[in-house]
Amino acid sequence: MLRKIALTLSALVSILFVVGIAGYVMTGPQAPAADSVSAQWLKPGPYKTTSVDKIFVDNSRETAANRDYPGAPDRALATTIWYPLGSVDSHPLIIHSHGFTSARNDLSYVAELLASHG
């Protein structure tokens, strides 16, 4: 009796898993139409881009301990700067602050796209 229940539950879980994966794949985002405004916004700009990683350090403040992090006598801010190559014009500075539960490279594709437009 218990074996029959276990087999039934196993089959049910397997079916739900397959249906869930199929539903996820079938309802995924579709590319916008080529002539849509969204497609125009997603096209890279005229500039090739590059990036550089920098660490800025504030020696006037300490970093407090937080969970497994023991703290530090200064504050370090690791950054990535994307910019258009070969442009001599001035361009706006866009700052993306990812917040506490994210990482600085989570939206790197957006930073690169924006930099390609100058």
Foldseek 3Di string as FASTA:
>chain_A
DVVVVVVVVVVVVVVVVVVVVVVCVVPDDDDDDCPDPVVVLLDAAQFQKDKDKDKDKAQVQWAPADVVRHTGNIDIDIAMAMAGPPDPDDDDDDDDDPDDPDDRCPVVVVRRRVRRND
